[in-house]
Protein backbone atom coordinates (compact mmCIF):
# COMPACT_ATOMS: atom_id res chain seq x y z
CA UNK A 1 -0.45 -0.08 0.14
CA UNK A 2 1.79 3.42 -1.22
CA UNK A 3 1.55 6.13 1.71
CA UNK A 4 0.47 9.50 -0.36
CA UNK A 5 3.84 10.48 -0.19
CA UNK A 6 5.13 7.69 -2.23
CA UNK A 7 1.55 8.03 -4.96
CA UNK A 8 2.86 12.33 -5.28
CA UNK A 9 6.76 11.04 -5.96
CA UNK A 10 5.57 8.19 -8.25
CA UNK A 11 3.60 10.46 -10.33
CA UNK A 12 5.52 12.83 -10.75
CA UNK A 13 8.49 11.09 -11.49
CA UNK A 14 5.95 9.49 -14.69
CA UNK A 15 5.04 12.52 -16.09
CA UNK A 16 9.06 13.99 -15.71
CA UNK A 17 9.62 10.84 -17.71
CA UNK A 18 7.08 11.39 -19.83
CA UNK A 19 7.70 15.29 -20.97
CA UNK A 20 11.32 13.64 -21.59
CA UNK A 21 10.52 11.28 -23.13
CA UNK A 22 8.20 13.63 -25.48
CA UNK A 23 11.50 16.18 -25.37
CA UNK A 24 13.51 13.00 -27.54
CA UNK A 25 10.88 12.73 -29.87
CA UNK A 26 10.44 16.43 -30.78
CA UNK A 27 14.18 17.00 -30.96
CA UNK A 28 14.55 13.84 -32.90
CA UNK A 29 11.72 14.79 -35.58
CA UNK A 30 13.25 17.70 -35.58
CA UNK A 31 16.67 16.51 -36.61
CA UNK A 32 14.93 14.47 -39.71
CA UNK A 33 13.12 18.02 -40.58
CA UNK A 34 16.66 19.34 -41.09
CA UNK A 35 18.34 16.68 -43.11
CA UNK A 36 15.59 16.08 -45.08
CA UNK A 37 15.14 19.64 -45.70
CA UNK A 38 12.18 20.36 -44.78
CA UNK A 39 11.12 23.83 -43.56
CA UNK A 40 7.02 22.83 -42.98
CA UNK A 41 5.17 19.74 -42.16
CA UNK A 42 2.90 18.52 -39.48
CA UNK A 43 4.64 20.08 -36.42
CA UNK A 44 4.65 18.54 -33.02
CA UNK A 45 3.59 20.58 -29.78
CA UNK A 46 5.92 22.88 -28.85
CA UNK A 47 8.22 21.79 -25.75
CA UNK A 48 7.20 25.14 -23.45
CA UNK A 49 3.36 23.89 -24.08
CA UNK A 50 4.22 20.57 -23.02
CA UNK A 51 5.90 21.47 -19.81
CA UNK A 52 2.97 23.94 -19.34
CA UNK A 53 0.48 21.43 -19.74
CA UNK A 54 2.44 18.91 -17.47
CA UNK A 55 3.15 22.02 -14.60
CA UNK A 56 -1.55 22.03 -15.05
CA UNK A 57 -1.22 17.97 -14.71
CA UNK A 58 0.00 17.53 -11.63
CA UNK A 59 -1.29 20.75 -9.72
CA UNK A 60 -4.75 19.33 -10.64
CA UNK A 61 -3.17 15.83 -8.78
CA UNK A 62 -1.54 17.85 -6.02
CA UNK A 63 -5.44 19.50 -5.59
CA UNK A 64 -7.26 16.16 -5.56
CA UNK A 65 -4.76 14.39 -3.52
CA UNK A 66 -4.78 17.20 -0.33
CA UNK A 67 -8.76 16.99 -0.84
CA UNK A 68 -9.48 13.52 0.01
CA UNK A 69 -6.58 13.49 2.21
CA UNK A 70 -8.42 16.44 3.80
CA UNK A 71 -11.62 14.98 4.14
CA UNK A 72 -9.74 11.89 5.50
CA UNK A 73 -8.79 13.56 8.41
CA UNK A 74 -11.95 15.51 9.16
CA UNK A 75 -13.51 12.19 9.57
CA UNK A 76 -10.27 10.81 11.84
CA UNK A 77 -11.05 13.75 14.51
CA UNK A 78 -11.67 12.85 17.59
CA UNK A 79 -14.85 14.01 18.73
CA UNK A 80 -14.63 15.62 22.41
CA UNK A 81 -17.14 14.33 24.79
CA UNK A 82 -18.94 17.08 26.64
CA UNK A 83 -21.01 14.93 28.76
CA UNK A 84 -20.44 15.74 32.23
CA UNK A 85 -22.14 16.36 35.70
CA UNK A 86 -20.88 16.78 39.45
CA UNK A 87 -23.29 16.96 42.05
CA UNK A 88 -22.27 19.30 44.90
CA UNK A 89 -24.04 19.28 48.69
CA UNK A 90 -24.64 23.16 49.39
CA UNK A 91 -24.60 22.73 53.23
CA UNK A 92 -20.74 22.05 53.19
CA UNK A 93 -19.92 22.43 49.03
CA UNK A 94 -18.35 18.63 49.05
CA UNK A 95 -18.65 16.69 46.39
CA UNK A 96 -22.16 14.40 46.63
CA UNK A 97 -21.73 12.77 43.44
CA UNK A 98 -19.74 13.05 40.02
CA UNK A 99 -19.73 11.50 36.65
CA UNK A 100 -16.78 12.29 34.57
CA UNK A 101 -13.26 13.51 35.16
CA UNK A 102 -12.79 15.67 38.36
CA UNK A 103 -9.33 17.17 39.07
CA UNK A 104 -9.60 17.32 43.02
CA UNK A 105 -11.97 16.98 46.05
CA UNK A 106 -12.65 20.59 46.23
CA UNK A 107 -16.12 21.48 45.35
CA UNK A 108 -15.53 25.17 46.72
CA UNK A 109 -15.15 27.02 43.62
CA UNK A 110 -19.07 26.57 43.22
CA UNK A 111 -19.50 29.55 45.52
CA UNK A 112 -18.51 31.89 42.58
CA UNK A 113 -22.07 31.24 41.31
CA UNK A 114 -25.47 32.49 42.78
CA UNK A 115 -28.89 30.89 42.64
CA UNK A 116 -29.87 34.36 42.23
CA UNK A 117 -28.09 35.76 39.14
CA UNK A 118 -25.19 34.59 37.07
CA UNK A 119 -23.47 36.38 34.40
CA UNK A 120 -23.38 34.81 31.20
CA UNK A 121 -26.64 32.63 31.39
CA UNK A 122 -29.97 32.33 31.31
CA UNK A 123 -32.56 31.33 34.68
CA UNK A 124 -35.17 29.38 34.51
CA UNK A 125 -36.87 27.64 37.65
CA UNK A 126 -39.29 24.63 37.54
CA UNK A 127 -41.21 23.25 40.69
CA UNK A 128 -42.38 19.69 40.51
CA UNK A 129 -43.91 18.07 43.23
CA UNK A 130 -41.43 18.58 46.15
CA UNK A 131 -39.09 19.53 44.34
CA UNK A 132 -37.87 23.13 43.05
CA UNK A 133 -35.27 23.59 40.10
CA UNK A 134 -33.25 26.81 39.71
CA UNK A 135 -31.57 26.27 35.87
CA UNK A 136 -28.67 28.36 34.75
CA UNK A 137 -27.66 27.89 31.05
CA UNK A 138 -25.05 29.37 28.86
CA UNK A 139 -26.28 32.08 26.50
CA UNK A 140 -22.24 32.39 25.51
CA UNK A 141 -20.34 29.98 23.27
CA UNK A 142 -18.83 27.06 25.29
CA UNK A 143 -15.13 27.69 27.00
CA UNK A 144 -13.00 25.07 29.40
CA UNK A 145 -13.51 27.55 31.88
CA UNK A 146 -17.13 27.80 32.61
CA UNK A 147 -20.23 24.98 33.34
CA UNK A 148 -22.78 24.69 30.61
CA UNK A 149 -25.23 24.56 33.03
CA UNK A 150 -25.99 24.98 36.78
CA UNK A 151 -29.01 23.00 38.21
CA UNK A 152 -29.68 24.03 41.70
CA UNK A 153 -32.15 21.65 43.15
CA UNK A 154 -33.88 22.24 46.79
CA UNK A 155 -36.29 19.54 48.37
CA UNK A 156 -39.12 21.23 50.04
CA UNK A 157 -40.76 18.55 51.56
CA UNK A 158 -40.57 16.57 54.41
CA UNK A 159 -37.83 15.49 55.65
CA UNK A 160 -37.65 12.40 57.88
CA UNK A 161 -34.78 9.67 59.04
CA UNK A 162 -36.39 6.82 57.22
CA UNK A 163 -36.92 8.56 54.09
CA UNK A 164 -34.52 7.87 51.10
CA UNK A 165 -33.33 9.78 48.38
CA UNK A 166 -32.53 8.48 44.81
CA UNK A 167 -31.60 10.06 42.05
CA UNK A 168 -31.93 9.40 37.98
CA UNK A 169 -29.31 11.76 35.33
CA UNK A 170 -30.20 10.93 31.40
CA UNK A 171 -28.06 12.20 28.70
CA UNK A 172 -30.60 12.74 26.02
CA UNK A 173 -30.28 13.04 22.16
CA UNK A 174 -31.42 15.98 20.38
CA UNK A 175 -32.77 13.87 17.81
CA UNK A 176 -33.95 10.77 18.33
CA UNK A 177 -34.89 11.78 21.75
CA UNK A 178 -33.57 8.57 23.07
CA UNK A 179 -31.01 7.99 25.97
CA UNK A 180 -27.06 7.83 25.11
CA UNK A 181 -26.21 7.23 29.03
CA UNK A 182 -26.96 8.43 32.23
CA UNK A 183 -26.01 7.93 36.11
CA UNK A 184 -28.30 6.86 39.11
CA UNK A 185 -28.19 5.67 42.47
CA UNK A 186 -29.03 6.86 45.74
CA UNK A 187 -30.41 4.58 48.95
CA UNK A 188 -28.84 7.78 51.42
CA UNK A 189 -30.25 10.08 53.80
CA UNK A 190 -32.47 13.35 51.81
CA UNK A 191 -30.44 16.20 50.98
CA UNK A 192 -32.36 19.44 50.95
CA UNK A 193 -29.88 21.94 48.87
CA UNK A 194 -27.78 20.01 45.87
CA UNK A 195 -26.05 22.14 43.17
CA UNK A 196 -25.75 19.83 39.62
CA UNK A 197 -22.95 21.72 37.47
CA UNK A 198 -21.66 20.35 34.64
CA UNK A 199 -21.43 20.38 30.30
CA UNK A 200 -23.31 18.47 27.23
CA UNK A 201 -22.62 17.98 23.79
CA UNK A 202 -24.10 19.86 20.81
CA UNK A 203 -27.66 18.90 20.46
CA UNK A 204 -28.26 16.67 23.90
CA UNK A 205 -30.30 17.25 26.44
CA UNK A 206 -30.01 16.35 30.06
CA UNK A 207 -32.66 14.82 32.03
CA UNK A 208 -32.67 15.35 36.34
CA UNK A 209 -35.05 12.94 37.93
CA UNK A 210 -35.09 13.20 41.74
CA UNK A 211 -37.03 10.70 44.06
CA UNK A 212 -38.31 10.48 47.94
CA UNK A 213 -38.78 6.70 48.47
CA UNK A 214 -39.49 5.16 51.98
CA UNK A 215 -38.25 1.84 53.33
CA UNK A 216 -41.69 -0.11 51.89
CA UNK A 217 -41.14 1.82 48.17
CA UNK A 218 -37.65 0.96 48.56
CA UNK A 219 -38.41 -3.01 48.68
CA UNK A 220 -40.55 -2.55 46.58
CA UNK A 221 -38.21 -0.84 43.97
CA UNK A 222 -35.69 -3.68 44.36
CA UNK A 223 -37.56 -6.39 44.07
CA UNK A 224 -39.62 -4.70 41.37
CA UNK A 225 -35.92 -4.75 39.75
CA UNK A 226 -34.85 -8.18 40.61
CA UNK A 227 -38.19 -9.28 38.56
CA UNK A 228 -36.73 -7.27 35.70
CA UNK A 229 -33.43 -9.00 35.75
CA UNK A 230 -34.77 -12.19 35.65
CA UNK A 231 -37.11 -11.35 32.81
CA UNK A 232 -34.11 -10.34 30.73
CA UNK A 233 -36.29 -8.01 28.21
CA UNK A 234 -34.23 -5.37 29.16
CA UNK A 235 -36.65 -3.41 30.52
CA UNK A 236 -36.23 -1.86 34.08
CA UNK A 237 -38.74 0.12 36.24
CA UNK A 238 -38.22 3.85 37.46
CA UNK A 239 -37.12 5.12 41.19
CA UNK A 240 -40.29 7.71 40.25
CA UNK A 241 -43.22 4.41 39.89
CA UNK A 242 -42.46 3.66 44.13
CA UNK A 243 -41.44 7.38 45.51
CA UNK A 244 -43.39 9.43 47.60
CA UNK A 245 -42.45 12.25 45.85
CA UNK A 246 -40.04 12.70 42.63
CA UNK A 247 -39.61 15.60 40.53
CA UNK A 248 -37.84 16.12 37.25
CA UNK A 249 -36.21 18.82 34.79
CA UNK A 250 -34.57 18.71 31.40
CA UNK A 251 -31.83 20.65 30.58
CA UNK A 252 -31.01 21.70 26.97
CA UNK A 253 -28.36 23.76 25.13
CA UNK A 254 -29.63 26.04 22.52
C-alpha cells in the first residue's frame, strides 16, 4: 500500500519521464526535418506548451490528493465528549456525586455562582412535586472555564430519618430523543440543597429526576428490579414509580 507521499513522488516521476520522452521525440523529429530539408510539415506541440500542460496536470493531481487527505483527516478527528456533571452538597460544598473527570476534591469553586443571578447565563425555575429546580444555562459560546449549566435542586417536602433519596440522570439525543447514557443511584439520606453543575455535547439534553422513597417503596423497587433482571427483556422499573415524591427537569443548550 502506497503512502500519499509515495503516490505523489511516483506520479511526479512518471510525468517527468513522459515529458523527457516527448522531448526526445520532439528533438528527433526536428533533426529528421533538418536532414530532409523540410521547412514545413505537421508540427508537434512545442516543448514550452508540453511543460505547461505537465505542470497543470500535476497541480490538479496534487489538489485532488490534498482534498481527499483533508476529507479523511476530518473524519478521523476525535470527538470530544463534553457530557459530564457533578453534584455538590451546598450544606458544606463537598462533592456528593460525580460523573466524568475531576481534577480535585474541592467543590468550593461553586461558591462563585449564585442561585439569584449569574452573568452569561439564562435563568429559569421549574417546580415539580416537592422539588424546585433553579436552572442556569449559558448564553455564550462554550469554553473550558465555565460550565454549560447549573441546576440548584431544593427539596421542600418533609424530611424524616426513614426517607431515602434516589436520583436518575440521563443524556438525551436531540434528534432521536433516545437515552445515550446516564447514571442513577441513591439510598442515602435526603439532601435538601444540591447543585448539579456540568457540560453538554451539542444537540444533547440532560434530564434530572429526583425521588424520595420510604423503606417500603425501596423494597418494592428492589423486588421489581430483580424481577426485571430475571425477565431479561431490557425493561427496568423507575424509582419514580415507587416514590412518595418525585420531580424532574430537562436541561437543553440552544
